[in-house]
Amino acid sequence: MNTSDDFKNLEQLDEEQLPVAKHKLHDWTHFAGLYAAEHVAATEFVIGATFVALGAKTMDILLGLLIGNILAVLSWTFITSPIAVDTRLSLYTYLNKIAGDSMTKLYNWANVIIFSVISAAMITVSSTAVRFAFNIPAQLDWYPTNLWFVFIVLAVGIVVVSIAIYGFNAVSDFSGVCAPWLFVMFTSGAMVLLPALSIDVLDKTLPSGWSDFINLGNQSIWTGLDSNGESGIGLIEVIGFAWAANTITHFGLIDMALLRFAKKKIYGLATSTGMMFGHYVAWIAAGIMGAGAAVILGKSIVALDLGDVAYYALGWSGFVIVIVAGWTTAITNLYRAGLAAQAIFANNSRKKTTLIVGLVTMVIACFPFVFSQILPLLTYAGLLVVPVGAIVFAEHQIFPRIGFTRYWSSYKQLSFSFPALASWAAGLVFGFGLNAFNVMSFFYLFIPTWIFTILIYTVLASRYGAKEAYLEEVKKEKLQKEQIEKFQEHKANQEPKKKKDISVLSKILKIIAIIALGITLALAINVLFGSSNENNYIENRETFYTYAFICTLIYFITAYWNLQRGKSIK
């Protein structure tokens, strides 16, 4: 085979512009770790307090978050994952095939801004924890008021950018190391501070049963009254909040960028590690931690700093969890921003575009107001992106079933797709119009907006050429796909085969890391169940703070060492 002749055009393309090669696909464990780490983030502390401020009741939280997060997992599994696995393309690359270059660049610019700001907010959060360690004043203005805080932001940002530029594998590896520890620490934090609440409300260190726990929650955490003392949100709103929290990535199809690496479509279920723990257990745990810290400090939960909550729940490990949780979310979103930027500047590599976007993100992170506006940003960003997800869903899943031709715009060689741009604009007007007239709960606006955009795009596309057959173009598309697969097979054969580390040292390191997590969890359980009175509780809590931090250091040292050993094996 003469690669210079057969693959000349493909060699000139950046890897991100081609479907993911078969030898680069991953099994479900990669995605379980990736989603667990991304969605157990520093924002969980904020969202945990948000439910308190919105006035939800305890049973509405327990049941509503369960239902809403199950719906989110199913959305990834049946909407995002099938398209990602079918095409092996990111949304940014796929959109160019169906919407033309003009709309794609406009949309990708929007994504660069959205994900850069989200990433910047998480860098700011991580920097806040470091600020505590160096006794730097809180940054309460929209601009930085301390030069050392800026230096901390830049140092934290360098870590985020350094990992993100190395691509999916680096992001997945980092998340895989952090996820188990984040699981343990959020769970432990809730167990450590639950007795503080119980002593304050029930005058004993532990609720005696389910009814006691519900009573504790209703009185001190999820009281049913919002921050103004009025009746708060109910079960339907809680379900909608949990489901809509990630519309930008599932209904909006942004996570095609991650799930295109999945071997099977069913791996969309791996998002359950992020949803059922990060957006269920962690939100509940954050509420308990926030309320417990509020009792200890004598403040309102909505007036607490992230560092306060984390410290009183986990001691010095609390600062580490804020840093790590901020990192994991920042890295994943910077990776997405880099992909969007690379789709705009197709002649540049993803590493280069991610580095440039990362540097801008670090500058944005120096301004504390970004984090304070993160929840409104996520909410409106979801409504901005959902219509585009609807257009792609219609093109990929509906068109072949109603006799339309997929990629018809590309076959007609259109650089501008009026149906796509008009449908996106109509979807935005429709969605934000429903919100302006307060027709329904904001949390559910993405559903009618998604359906409306699908209908508009289908009608418009039928009038602009989607009904035509394009037999010759379809044939060329198939041949090109086969050529790409041959090219990728050739490249795979040239790459050295990776060997799995099965050495005794590797096994010992894994065992030590697991033991460190086990000891941390055991210490937290001892605080919850082994505190007979208030003095005993305080003593057990201090013991947890000390030894949990030691276990944290041991875990990350052994886990990182083991990861580096695995990479060094050829």
Protein backbone atom coordinates (compact mmCIF):
# COMPACT_ATOMS: atom_id res chain seq x y z
CA MET A 1 0.00 0.00 0.00
CA ASN A 2 1.36 3.40 -1.00
CA THR A 3 0.33 5.65 1.87
CA SER A 4 1.60 8.80 0.19
CA ASP A 5 -0.88 8.31 -2.66
CA ASP A 6 -3.83 6.62 -0.93
CA PHE A 7 -3.85 8.65 2.29
CA LYS A 8 -2.30 11.95 1.21
CA ASN A 9 -5.44 14.03 1.85
CA LEU A 10 -6.19 12.29 5.17
CA GLU A 11 -2.65 12.84 6.44
CA GLN A 12 -3.17 16.59 6.13
CA LEU A 13 -6.28 16.58 8.36
CA ASP A 14 -6.13 17.04 12.11
CA GLU A 15 -7.12 13.93 14.05
CA GLU A 16 -10.10 15.74 15.60
CA GLN A 17 -11.65 16.25 12.16
CA LEU A 18 -11.88 12.49 11.56
CA PRO A 19 -14.05 9.87 13.26
CA VAL A 20 -12.39 8.29 16.28
CA ALA A 21 -10.30 5.28 15.24
CA LYS A 22 -11.36 1.84 16.50
CA HIS A 23 -8.12 1.26 18.39
CA LYS A 24 -8.72 4.44 20.43
CA LEU A 25 -12.13 3.43 21.81
CA HIS A 26 -12.60 2.89 25.53
CA ASP A 27 -14.69 0.63 27.72
CA TRP A 28 -17.32 1.79 30.19
CA THR A 29 -14.90 2.21 33.12
CA HIS A 30 -13.25 5.22 31.45
CA PHE A 31 -16.59 7.02 31.21
CA ALA A 32 -17.65 5.99 34.69
CA GLY A 33 -14.54 7.66 36.08
CA LEU A 34 -14.77 10.64 33.76
CA TYR A 35 -18.38 11.50 34.62
CA ALA A 36 -17.96 10.74 38.30
CA ALA A 37 -15.08 13.18 38.61
CA GLU A 38 -16.65 15.90 36.45
CA HIS A 39 -19.98 15.91 38.26
CA VAL A 40 -18.62 15.64 41.77
CA ALA A 41 -17.39 19.19 41.61
CA ALA A 42 -17.03 22.31 43.71
CA THR A 43 -20.35 23.52 42.29
CA GLU A 44 -22.07 20.76 44.29
CA PHE A 45 -21.45 22.81 47.43
CA VAL A 46 -23.23 25.76 45.79
CA ILE A 47 -26.11 23.70 44.40
CA GLY A 48 -26.55 21.95 47.74
CA ALA A 49 -27.08 25.37 49.33
CA THR A 50 -29.29 26.46 46.41
CA PHE A 51 -31.92 23.83 47.22
CA VAL A 52 -31.96 25.14 50.78
CA ALA A 53 -32.37 28.73 49.57
CA LEU A 54 -35.14 27.68 47.13
CA GLY A 55 -37.10 26.16 49.98
CA ALA A 56 -37.38 22.50 48.96
CA LYS A 57 -38.67 19.93 51.43
CA THR A 58 -36.69 16.86 52.48
CA MET A 59 -38.84 14.21 50.77
CA ASP A 60 -39.03 16.33 47.60
CA ILE A 61 -35.22 16.45 47.56
CA LEU A 62 -34.77 12.71 48.15
CA LEU A 63 -37.37 11.63 45.57
CA GLY A 64 -37.13 14.51 43.09
CA LEU A 65 -33.35 14.31 42.67
CA LEU A 66 -33.61 10.54 42.16
CA ILE A 67 -36.19 10.86 39.36
CA GLY A 68 -34.55 13.88 37.72
CA ASN A 69 -31.11 12.31 37.62
CA ILE A 70 -32.45 9.04 36.22
CA LEU A 71 -34.06 11.08 33.41
CA ALA A 72 -30.70 12.79 32.78
CA VAL A 73 -28.90 9.42 32.52
CA LEU A 74 -31.54 8.17 30.09
CA SER A 75 -31.14 11.37 28.03
CA TRP A 76 -27.42 10.70 27.59
CA THR A 77 -28.07 7.03 26.86
CA PHE A 78 -30.82 7.39 24.25
CA ILE A 79 -30.15 10.83 22.74
CA THR A 80 -26.43 11.64 22.94
CA SER A 81 -24.65 8.29 22.98
CA PRO A 82 -26.29 6.73 19.87
CA ILE A 83 -25.34 9.70 17.64
CA ALA A 84 -21.84 9.91 19.13
CA VAL A 85 -21.14 6.20 18.59
CA ASP A 86 -22.71 6.15 15.10
CA THR A 87 -20.63 9.05 13.82
CA ARG A 88 -17.53 8.96 16.08
CA LEU A 89 -17.46 12.75 15.65
CA SER A 90 -17.68 15.64 18.07
CA LEU A 91 -20.74 17.86 17.70
CA TYR A 92 -18.51 20.63 16.38
CA THR A 93 -17.28 18.53 13.45
CA TYR A 94 -20.66 16.89 12.81
CA LEU A 95 -22.49 20.22 12.73
CA ASN A 96 -20.27 21.43 9.91
CA LYS A 97 -21.55 18.55 7.74
CA ILE A 98 -25.18 19.54 8.16
CA ALA A 99 -25.28 23.27 8.87
CA GLY A 100 -22.48 24.73 6.80
CA ASP A 101 -19.42 26.67 7.82
CA SER A 102 -21.14 29.96 8.73
CA MET A 103 -23.53 28.64 11.37
CA THR A 104 -20.96 26.18 12.67
CA LYS A 105 -18.44 28.94 13.36
CA LEU A 106 -21.07 31.07 15.07
CA TYR A 107 -22.16 28.15 17.23
CA ASN A 108 -18.60 27.09 18.02
CA TRP A 109 -17.72 30.62 19.12
CA ALA A 110 -20.67 30.47 21.52
CA ASN A 111 -19.35 27.19 22.90
CA VAL A 112 -15.82 28.49 23.27
CA ILE A 113 -17.18 31.35 25.39
CA ILE A 114 -19.55 29.17 27.44
CA PHE A 115 -17.05 26.44 28.30
CA SER A 116 -14.18 28.86 28.84
CA VAL A 117 -16.25 30.76 31.41
CA ILE A 118 -17.37 27.52 33.12
CA SER A 119 -13.76 26.35 33.24
CA ALA A 120 -12.64 29.75 34.53
CA ALA A 121 -15.25 29.61 37.29
CA MET A 122 -13.95 26.24 38.44
CA ILE A 123 -10.35 27.50 38.42
CA THR A 124 -11.53 30.38 40.61
CA VAL A 125 -13.15 27.89 43.00
CA SER A 126 -9.97 25.86 43.29
CA SER A 127 -8.00 29.04 43.87
CA THR A 128 -10.37 30.01 46.68
CA ALA A 129 -9.32 26.91 48.62
CA VAL A 130 -5.63 27.71 48.09
CA ARG A 131 -6.38 31.26 49.28
CA PHE A 132 -7.42 29.87 52.68
CA ALA A 133 -4.13 28.03 53.07
CA PHE A 134 -2.16 31.27 52.53
CA ASN A 135 -4.54 33.49 54.53
CA ILE A 136 -5.30 35.70 51.53
CA PRO A 137 -8.42 37.90 51.99
CA ALA A 138 -11.70 36.80 50.40
CA GLN A 139 -12.24 38.19 46.92
CA LEU A 140 -15.72 39.72 47.11
CA ASP A 141 -15.53 42.29 44.29
CA TRP A 142 -15.98 41.53 40.60
CA TYR A 143 -12.26 42.17 40.11
CA PRO A 144 -9.24 40.76 42.04
CA THR A 145 -8.12 42.89 44.98
CA ASN A 146 -5.00 40.93 45.92
CA LEU A 147 -2.00 40.26 43.68
CA TRP A 148 -1.24 36.96 45.42
CA PHE A 149 -4.73 35.70 44.53
CA VAL A 150 -3.93 36.36 40.86
CA PHE A 151 -0.70 34.36 41.18
CA ILE A 152 -2.65 31.47 42.75
CA VAL A 153 -5.22 31.54 39.95
CA LEU A 154 -2.49 31.39 37.34
CA ALA A 155 -0.74 28.51 39.14
CA VAL A 156 -3.98 26.52 39.43
CA GLY A 157 -4.83 27.34 35.82
CA ILE A 158 -1.51 26.01 34.57
CA VAL A 159 -2.40 22.57 35.98
CA VAL A 160 -5.80 22.63 34.26
CA VAL A 161 -4.43 23.73 30.89
CA SER A 162 -1.51 21.28 31.04
CA ILE A 163 -3.84 18.30 31.43
CA ALA A 164 -6.51 19.49 28.97
CA ILE A 165 -4.09 20.03 26.06
CA TYR A 166 -3.13 16.37 26.08
CA GLY A 167 -6.65 15.36 25.09
CA PHE A 168 -9.24 12.78 26.06
CA ASN A 169 -6.88 10.20 27.52
CA ALA A 170 -5.23 12.69 29.87
CA VAL A 171 -8.64 14.03 30.98
CA SER A 172 -9.91 10.47 31.52
CA ASP A 173 -6.78 9.40 33.45
CA PHE A 174 -6.94 12.40 35.75
CA SER A 175 -10.65 11.89 36.37
CA GLY A 176 -10.12 8.19 37.01
CA VAL A 177 -7.65 8.96 39.78
CA CYS A 178 -9.82 11.63 41.42
CA ALA A 179 -13.24 9.98 41.19
CA PRO A 180 -12.92 7.30 43.93
CA TRP A 181 -11.49 9.82 46.38
CA LEU A 182 -14.23 12.37 45.62
CA PHE A 183 -16.84 9.65 46.22
CA VAL A 184 -15.42 8.89 49.64
CA MET A 185 -14.89 12.50 50.71
CA PHE A 186 -18.38 13.79 49.88
CA THR A 187 -19.93 10.81 51.67
CA SER A 188 -17.59 11.23 54.64
CA GLY A 189 -18.28 14.96 54.92
CA ALA A 190 -22.01 14.35 55.31
CA MET A 191 -21.41 11.69 57.98
CA VAL A 192 -19.01 13.95 59.89
CA LEU A 193 -21.42 16.91 60.12
CA LEU A 194 -24.74 15.08 60.50
CA PRO A 195 -24.17 14.67 64.28
CA ALA A 196 -23.68 18.45 64.63
CA LEU A 197 -27.13 18.94 63.12
CA SER A 198 -28.64 16.15 65.16
CA ILE A 199 -27.29 17.61 68.42
CA ASP A 200 -28.69 21.03 67.52
CA VAL A 201 -32.17 19.83 66.49
CA LEU A 202 -32.76 16.47 68.20
CA ASP A 203 -30.46 16.91 71.21
CA LYS A 204 -28.68 13.63 70.40
CA THR A 205 -25.78 12.71 68.15
CA LEU A 206 -27.65 10.42 65.77
CA PRO A 207 -31.20 10.27 64.36
CA SER A 208 -32.83 7.11 65.75
CA GLY A 209 -34.60 6.22 62.52
CA TRP A 210 -36.00 7.35 59.16
CA SER A 211 -38.68 9.58 60.68
CA ASP A 212 -36.04 11.26 62.85
CA PHE A 213 -33.88 11.92 59.79
CA ILE A 214 -36.81 13.42 57.85
CA ASN A 215 -37.69 15.56 60.86
CA LEU A 216 -34.07 16.69 61.10
CA GLY A 217 -34.02 17.59 57.41
CA ASN A 218 -37.32 19.49 57.55
CA GLN A 219 -36.25 21.52 60.56
CA SER A 220 -32.64 22.36 59.77
CA ILE A 221 -31.84 21.74 56.08
CA TRP A 222 -34.70 21.49 53.56
CA THR A 223 -37.36 23.33 55.52
CA GLY A 224 -39.84 24.03 52.72
CA LEU A 225 -39.29 27.78 53.14
CA ASP A 226 -37.08 29.83 50.82
CA SER A 227 -34.59 32.52 51.87
CA ASN A 228 -37.46 35.03 52.12
CA GLY A 229 -39.47 32.81 54.47
CA GLU A 230 -42.06 31.89 51.82
CA SER A 231 -43.12 28.48 50.51
CA GLY A 232 -40.45 27.08 48.22
CA ILE A 233 -40.20 24.76 45.24
CA GLY A 234 -41.91 21.39 45.15
CA LEU A 235 -41.28 17.90 43.77
CA ILE A 236 -41.88 18.84 40.10
CA GLU A 237 -39.39 21.70 40.24
CA VAL A 238 -36.73 19.54 41.92
CA ILE A 239 -37.13 16.89 39.20
CA GLY A 240 -36.84 19.56 36.52
CA PHE A 241 -33.79 21.14 38.15
CA ALA A 242 -31.93 17.82 38.24
CA TRP A 243 -32.91 16.90 34.66
CA ALA A 244 -32.19 20.33 33.20
CA ALA A 245 -28.86 20.84 34.99
CA ASN A 246 -26.97 19.18 32.13
CA THR A 247 -29.20 19.83 29.12
CA ILE A 248 -26.23 21.53 27.47
CA THR A 249 -24.41 18.19 27.35
CA HIS A 250 -27.18 15.62 26.73
CA PHE A 251 -30.10 17.23 24.86
CA GLY A 252 -27.60 19.79 23.53
CA LEU A 253 -25.31 16.91 22.39
CA ILE A 254 -22.10 18.60 23.56
CA ASP A 255 -21.01 15.29 25.10
CA MET A 256 -20.69 13.73 21.69
CA ALA A 257 -17.11 14.96 22.19
CA LEU A 258 -16.66 12.46 25.04
CA LEU A 259 -19.00 9.60 24.12
CA ARG A 260 -17.62 9.29 20.57
CA PHE A 261 -14.83 7.29 22.25
CA ALA A 262 -17.30 4.73 23.67
CA LYS A 263 -17.17 1.18 22.29
CA LYS A 264 -20.93 0.75 22.72
CA LYS A 265 -23.96 3.03 22.77
CA ILE A 266 -25.10 1.58 26.07
CA TYR A 267 -22.06 3.18 27.73
CA GLY A 268 -24.22 6.27 28.02
CA LEU A 269 -25.41 4.59 31.23
CA ALA A 270 -21.92 5.21 32.66
CA THR A 271 -23.06 8.81 33.19
CA SER A 272 -24.98 7.41 36.17
CA THR A 273 -21.78 7.61 38.23
CA GLY A 274 -21.89 11.38 37.81
CA MET A 275 -25.64 11.76 38.13
CA MET A 276 -26.53 9.29 40.86
CA PHE A 277 -23.53 10.19 42.99
CA GLY A 278 -22.49 13.66 41.91
CA HIS A 279 -25.98 15.05 41.36
CA TYR A 280 -27.81 12.92 43.90
CA VAL A 281 -25.65 11.85 46.81
CA ALA A 282 -23.28 14.83 46.54
CA TRP A 283 -26.08 17.43 46.37
CA ILE A 284 -27.73 15.86 49.41
CA ALA A 285 -24.37 15.54 51.17
CA ALA A 286 -23.56 19.17 50.35
CA GLY A 287 -26.83 20.27 51.91
CA ILE A 288 -26.03 18.33 55.08
CA MET A 289 -22.45 19.65 55.17
CA GLY A 290 -23.62 23.22 54.61
CA ALA A 291 -26.26 23.02 57.33
CA GLY A 292 -23.79 21.37 59.73
CA ALA A 293 -21.13 24.03 59.12
CA ALA A 294 -23.79 26.72 59.59
CA VAL A 295 -24.64 25.29 63.01
CA ILE A 296 -20.99 25.17 64.08
CA LEU A 297 -20.30 28.73 62.86
CA GLY A 298 -23.68 30.17 63.86
CA LYS A 299 -24.37 31.47 60.34
CA SER A 300 -27.00 30.96 57.64
CA ILE A 301 -26.11 28.24 55.14
CA VAL A 302 -26.50 30.64 52.20
CA ALA A 303 -23.94 33.01 53.77
CA LEU A 304 -21.15 30.43 54.01
CA ASP A 305 -17.99 30.39 51.92
CA LEU A 306 -17.10 27.15 50.13
CA GLY A 307 -13.95 26.95 52.20
CA ASP A 308 -15.92 27.16 55.45
CA VAL A 309 -18.18 24.27 54.50
CA ALA A 310 -15.34 22.12 53.20
CA TYR A 311 -13.09 22.77 56.20
CA TYR A 312 -15.65 21.98 58.88
CA ALA A 313 -16.75 18.86 57.03
CA LEU A 314 -13.33 17.47 56.14
CA GLY A 315 -10.59 19.50 57.78
CA TRP A 316 -7.55 20.13 55.56
CA SER A 317 -8.89 17.50 53.19
CA GLY A 318 -11.74 19.95 52.59
CA PHE A 319 -9.38 22.38 50.91
CA VAL A 320 -8.07 19.54 48.77
CA ILE A 321 -11.58 18.51 47.69
CA VAL A 322 -12.43 22.05 46.60
CA ILE A 323 -9.20 22.21 44.59
CA VAL A 324 -9.58 18.77 43.01
CA ALA A 325 -13.32 19.11 42.36
CA GLY A 326 -12.70 22.44 40.68
CA TRP A 327 -9.90 20.96 38.60
CA THR A 328 -11.88 17.97 37.32
CA THR A 329 -14.72 20.13 36.03
CA ALA A 330 -12.42 22.85 34.69
CA ILE A 331 -10.30 20.35 32.74
CA THR A 332 -13.26 18.64 31.06
CA ASN A 333 -14.85 21.94 30.05
CA LEU A 334 -11.56 23.37 28.80
CA TYR A 335 -11.17 20.23 26.68
CA ARG A 336 -14.62 20.95 25.19
CA ALA A 337 -13.72 24.60 24.61
CA GLY A 338 -10.52 23.53 22.87
CA LEU A 339 -12.48 21.23 20.55
CA ALA A 340 -14.86 24.04 19.65
CA ALA A 341 -11.95 26.40 18.97
CA GLN A 342 -10.19 23.78 16.86
CA ALA A 343 -13.35 23.39 14.77
CA ILE A 344 -13.22 27.16 14.09
CA PHE A 345 -9.50 27.26 13.32
CA ALA A 346 -9.33 23.97 11.45
CA ASN A 347 -5.75 24.55 10.27
CA ASN A 348 -4.49 24.49 13.86
CA SER A 349 -4.15 21.47 16.12
CA ARG A 350 -6.47 20.93 19.08
CA LYS A 351 -3.48 21.23 21.44
CA LYS A 352 -2.65 24.69 20.11
CA THR A 353 -6.23 25.96 20.25
CA THR A 354 -6.72 24.48 23.74
CA LEU A 355 -3.53 26.21 24.93
CA ILE A 356 -4.67 29.58 23.56
CA VAL A 357 -8.19 29.21 24.97
CA GLY A 358 -6.66 28.03 28.25
CA LEU A 359 -4.54 31.16 28.59
CA VAL A 360 -7.61 33.36 28.03
CA THR A 361 -9.54 31.22 30.54
CA MET A 362 -6.84 31.78 33.17
CA VAL A 363 -7.22 35.54 32.74
CA ILE A 364 -11.02 35.29 33.11
CA ALA A 365 -10.56 33.17 36.25
CA CYS A 366 -8.81 36.08 37.96
CA PHE A 367 -12.18 37.87 38.18
CA PRO A 368 -14.24 36.37 41.07
CA PHE A 369 -17.62 37.52 39.69
CA VAL A 370 -17.46 34.66 37.16
CA PHE A 371 -18.12 31.99 39.77
CA SER A 372 -20.94 33.94 41.40
CA GLN A 373 -22.81 33.89 38.08
CA ILE A 374 -22.15 30.24 37.22
CA LEU A 375 -25.67 28.91 37.86
CA PRO A 376 -27.47 31.48 35.64
CA LEU A 377 -24.83 30.85 32.98
CA LEU A 378 -25.43 27.08 33.02
CA THR A 379 -29.18 27.57 32.87
CA TYR A 380 -29.24 29.95 29.92
CA ALA A 381 -26.41 28.16 28.12
CA GLY A 382 -28.55 25.03 28.11
CA LEU A 383 -31.43 26.85 26.44
CA LEU A 384 -29.00 28.33 23.91
CA VAL A 385 -27.55 24.95 22.91
CA VAL A 386 -30.66 22.70 22.99
CA PRO A 387 -32.05 23.92 19.61
CA VAL A 388 -28.79 22.94 17.92
CA GLY A 389 -28.98 19.53 19.55
CA ALA A 390 -32.50 19.22 18.17
CA ILE A 391 -31.29 20.02 14.63
CA VAL A 392 -28.61 17.33 14.81
CA PHE A 393 -31.04 14.82 16.33
CA ALA A 394 -33.54 15.47 13.53
CA GLU A 395 -30.89 15.12 10.83
CA HIS A 396 -29.35 11.95 12.22
CA GLN A 397 -32.24 10.03 13.75
CA ILE A 398 -35.44 11.28 12.12
CA PHE A 399 -34.48 12.04 8.50
CA PRO A 400 -33.51 8.45 7.55
CA ARG A 401 -36.78 7.21 9.05
CA ILE A 402 -38.99 9.55 7.00
CA GLY A 403 -37.17 9.15 3.70
CA PHE A 404 -35.02 12.29 3.90
CA THR A 405 -31.29 12.26 3.12
CA ARG A 406 -28.85 12.73 5.96
CA TYR A 407 -26.04 15.27 5.21
CA TRP A 408 -28.07 16.72 2.29
CA SER A 409 -26.61 20.19 2.92
CA SER A 410 -23.08 18.82 2.61
CA TYR A 411 -24.00 16.96 -0.57
CA LYS A 412 -25.29 20.21 -2.06
CA GLN A 413 -21.99 21.82 -1.01
CA LEU A 414 -23.75 24.61 0.84
CA SER A 415 -21.53 26.81 3.00
CA PHE A 416 -24.63 28.31 4.56
CA SER A 417 -27.70 26.29 5.60
CA PHE A 418 -30.75 28.53 5.94
CA PRO A 419 -32.91 25.77 7.50
CA ALA A 420 -30.35 25.15 10.24
CA LEU A 421 -29.72 28.81 11.11
CA ALA A 422 -33.41 29.76 10.89
CA SER A 423 -34.41 26.79 13.06
CA TRP A 424 -31.80 27.70 15.69
CA ALA A 425 -33.03 31.31 15.74
CA ALA A 426 -36.67 30.20 15.89
CA GLY A 427 -35.86 27.79 18.73
CA LEU A 428 -34.18 30.55 20.71
CA VAL A 429 -37.10 32.94 20.21
CA PHE A 430 -39.54 30.19 21.16
CA GLY A 431 -37.65 29.07 24.27
CA PHE A 432 -36.80 32.48 25.65
CA GLY A 433 -40.29 33.67 24.67
CA LEU A 434 -41.87 30.96 26.82
CA ASN A 435 -39.60 32.10 29.63
CA ALA A 436 -40.44 35.79 29.17
CA PHE A 437 -44.18 35.10 29.34
CA ASN A 438 -43.70 32.67 32.24
CA VAL A 439 -45.72 30.00 30.44
CA MET A 440 -44.16 27.12 32.38
CA SER A 441 -41.40 26.29 34.83
CA PHE A 442 -38.03 27.40 33.48
CA PHE A 443 -36.55 23.99 34.32
CA TYR A 444 -38.70 22.31 31.66
CA LEU A 445 -38.37 24.85 28.84
CA PHE A 446 -35.80 22.70 27.06
CA ILE A 447 -38.41 20.02 26.23
CA PRO A 448 -40.89 22.11 24.15
CA THR A 449 -37.95 24.08 22.69
CA TRP A 450 -36.29 20.85 21.54
CA ILE A 451 -39.50 19.49 19.99
CA PHE A 452 -40.38 22.81 18.35
CA THR A 453 -36.92 23.12 16.74
CA ILE A 454 -37.09 19.55 15.39
CA LEU A 455 -40.41 20.32 13.69
CA ILE A 456 -39.24 23.64 12.23
CA TYR A 457 -35.98 22.17 10.93
CA THR A 458 -37.72 19.17 9.37
CA VAL A 459 -40.19 21.38 7.53
CA LEU A 460 -37.56 23.85 6.30
CA ALA A 461 -35.08 21.13 5.30
CA SER A 462 -37.76 19.38 3.26
CA ARG A 463 -38.19 22.55 1.20
CA TYR A 464 -34.48 23.16 0.68
CA GLY A 465 -33.39 19.74 -0.55
CA ALA A 466 -33.51 17.13 2.21
CA LYS A 467 -36.14 15.10 0.28
CA GLU A 468 -33.80 14.53 -2.67
CA ALA A 469 -31.94 11.20 -3.04
CA TYR A 470 -28.26 12.20 -3.72
CA LEU A 471 -27.37 8.62 -4.70
CA GLU A 472 -23.96 9.46 -6.11
CA GLU A 473 -22.99 11.60 -3.11
CA VAL A 474 -24.10 8.89 -0.65
CA LYS A 475 -21.94 6.40 -2.51
CA LYS A 476 -18.93 8.72 -2.28
CA GLU A 477 -19.59 9.23 1.44
CA LYS A 478 -19.53 5.48 1.99
CA LEU A 479 -16.28 5.07 0.05
CA GLN A 480 -14.67 7.92 1.97
CA LYS A 481 -15.67 6.31 5.27
CA GLU A 482 -14.07 3.03 4.17
CA GLN A 483 -10.91 4.91 3.15
CA ILE A 484 -10.74 6.60 6.55
CA GLU A 485 -11.06 3.23 8.31
CA LYS A 486 -8.20 1.81 6.21
CA PHE A 487 -6.09 4.88 6.97
CA GLN A 488 -6.73 4.53 10.69
CA GLU A 489 -5.92 0.81 10.62
CA HIS A 490 -2.64 1.65 8.91
CA LYS A 491 -1.85 4.27 11.57
CA ALA A 492 -2.77 1.82 14.34
CA ASN A 493 -0.36 -0.78 12.98
CA GLN A 494 2.43 1.79 13.09
CA GLU A 495 1.78 2.70 16.74
CA PRO A 496 3.50 0.67 19.49
CA LYS A 497 1.19 -1.66 21.38
CA LYS A 498 0.43 -0.63 24.93
CA LYS A 499 1.11 -3.13 27.67
CA LYS A 500 -0.87 -3.37 30.86
CA ASP A 501 1.02 -2.99 34.12
CA ILE A 502 0.48 -6.26 36.04
CA SER A 503 3.57 -6.03 38.24
CA VAL A 504 3.56 -6.76 41.97
CA LEU A 505 4.42 -3.12 42.72
CA SER A 506 1.38 -1.94 40.76
CA LYS A 507 -0.89 -4.25 42.76
CA ILE A 508 0.66 -3.10 46.04
CA LEU A 509 0.14 0.56 45.13
CA LYS A 510 -3.51 -0.09 44.26
CA ILE A 511 -4.05 -1.91 47.56
CA ILE A 512 -2.47 0.95 49.54
CA ALA A 513 -4.70 3.49 47.74
CA ILE A 514 -7.81 1.43 48.48
CA ILE A 515 -6.81 1.00 52.13
CA ALA A 516 -6.34 4.79 52.43
CA LEU A 517 -9.87 5.34 51.16
CA GLY A 518 -11.20 2.59 53.41
CA ILE A 519 -9.62 4.12 56.51
CA THR A 520 -11.08 7.53 55.63
CA LEU A 521 -14.55 6.05 55.28
CA ALA A 522 -14.16 4.05 58.51
CA LEU A 523 -13.15 7.19 60.42
CA ALA A 524 -16.23 9.03 59.09
CA ILE A 525 -18.47 6.12 60.07
CA ASN A 526 -16.92 6.24 63.54
CA VAL A 527 -17.80 9.93 63.82
CA LEU A 528 -21.41 9.22 62.84
CA PHE A 529 -22.07 6.06 64.82
CA GLY A 530 -19.36 6.15 67.50
CA SER A 531 -20.11 9.53 69.08
CA SER A 532 -22.11 8.99 72.26
CA ASN A 533 -22.20 12.65 73.29
CA GLU A 534 -21.17 16.09 72.09
CA ASN A 535 -17.67 16.01 73.61
CA ASN A 536 -17.05 12.55 72.18
CA TYR A 537 -18.30 13.79 68.81
CA ILE A 538 -15.88 16.74 68.75
CA GLU A 539 -13.00 14.42 69.68
CA ASN A 540 -13.90 11.93 66.93
CA ARG A 541 -14.31 14.75 64.41
CA GLU A 542 -10.83 16.12 65.15
CA THR A 543 -9.38 12.62 64.79
CA PHE A 544 -11.07 12.32 61.40
CA TYR A 545 -9.67 15.68 60.26
CA THR A 546 -6.09 14.61 61.06
CA TYR A 547 -6.02 11.08 59.71
CA ALA A 548 -8.28 11.73 56.71
CA PHE A 549 -5.77 14.30 55.49
CA ILE A 550 -2.91 11.83 55.90
CA CYS A 551 -4.94 9.22 53.98
CA THR A 552 -5.62 11.80 51.27
CA LEU A 553 -1.91 12.38 50.77
CA ILE A 554 -1.21 8.64 50.71
CA TYR A 555 -4.02 8.03 48.20
CA PHE A 556 -2.90 10.64 45.68
CA ILE A 557 0.79 9.74 45.97
CA THR A 558 0.17 6.02 45.36
CA ALA A 559 -2.54 6.55 42.70
CA TYR A 560 -0.41 9.05 40.76
CA TRP A 561 2.71 6.88 41.06
CA ASN A 562 0.78 3.90 39.74
CA LEU A 563 -0.63 5.94 36.85
CA GLN A 564 2.82 7.13 35.82
CA ARG A 565 4.19 3.59 36.00
CA GLY A 566 1.43 2.41 33.67
CA LYS A 567 2.29 5.15 31.16
CA SER A 568 5.99 4.32 31.23
CA ILE A 569 5.48 0.69 30.19
CA LYS A 570 5.98 0.20 26.46
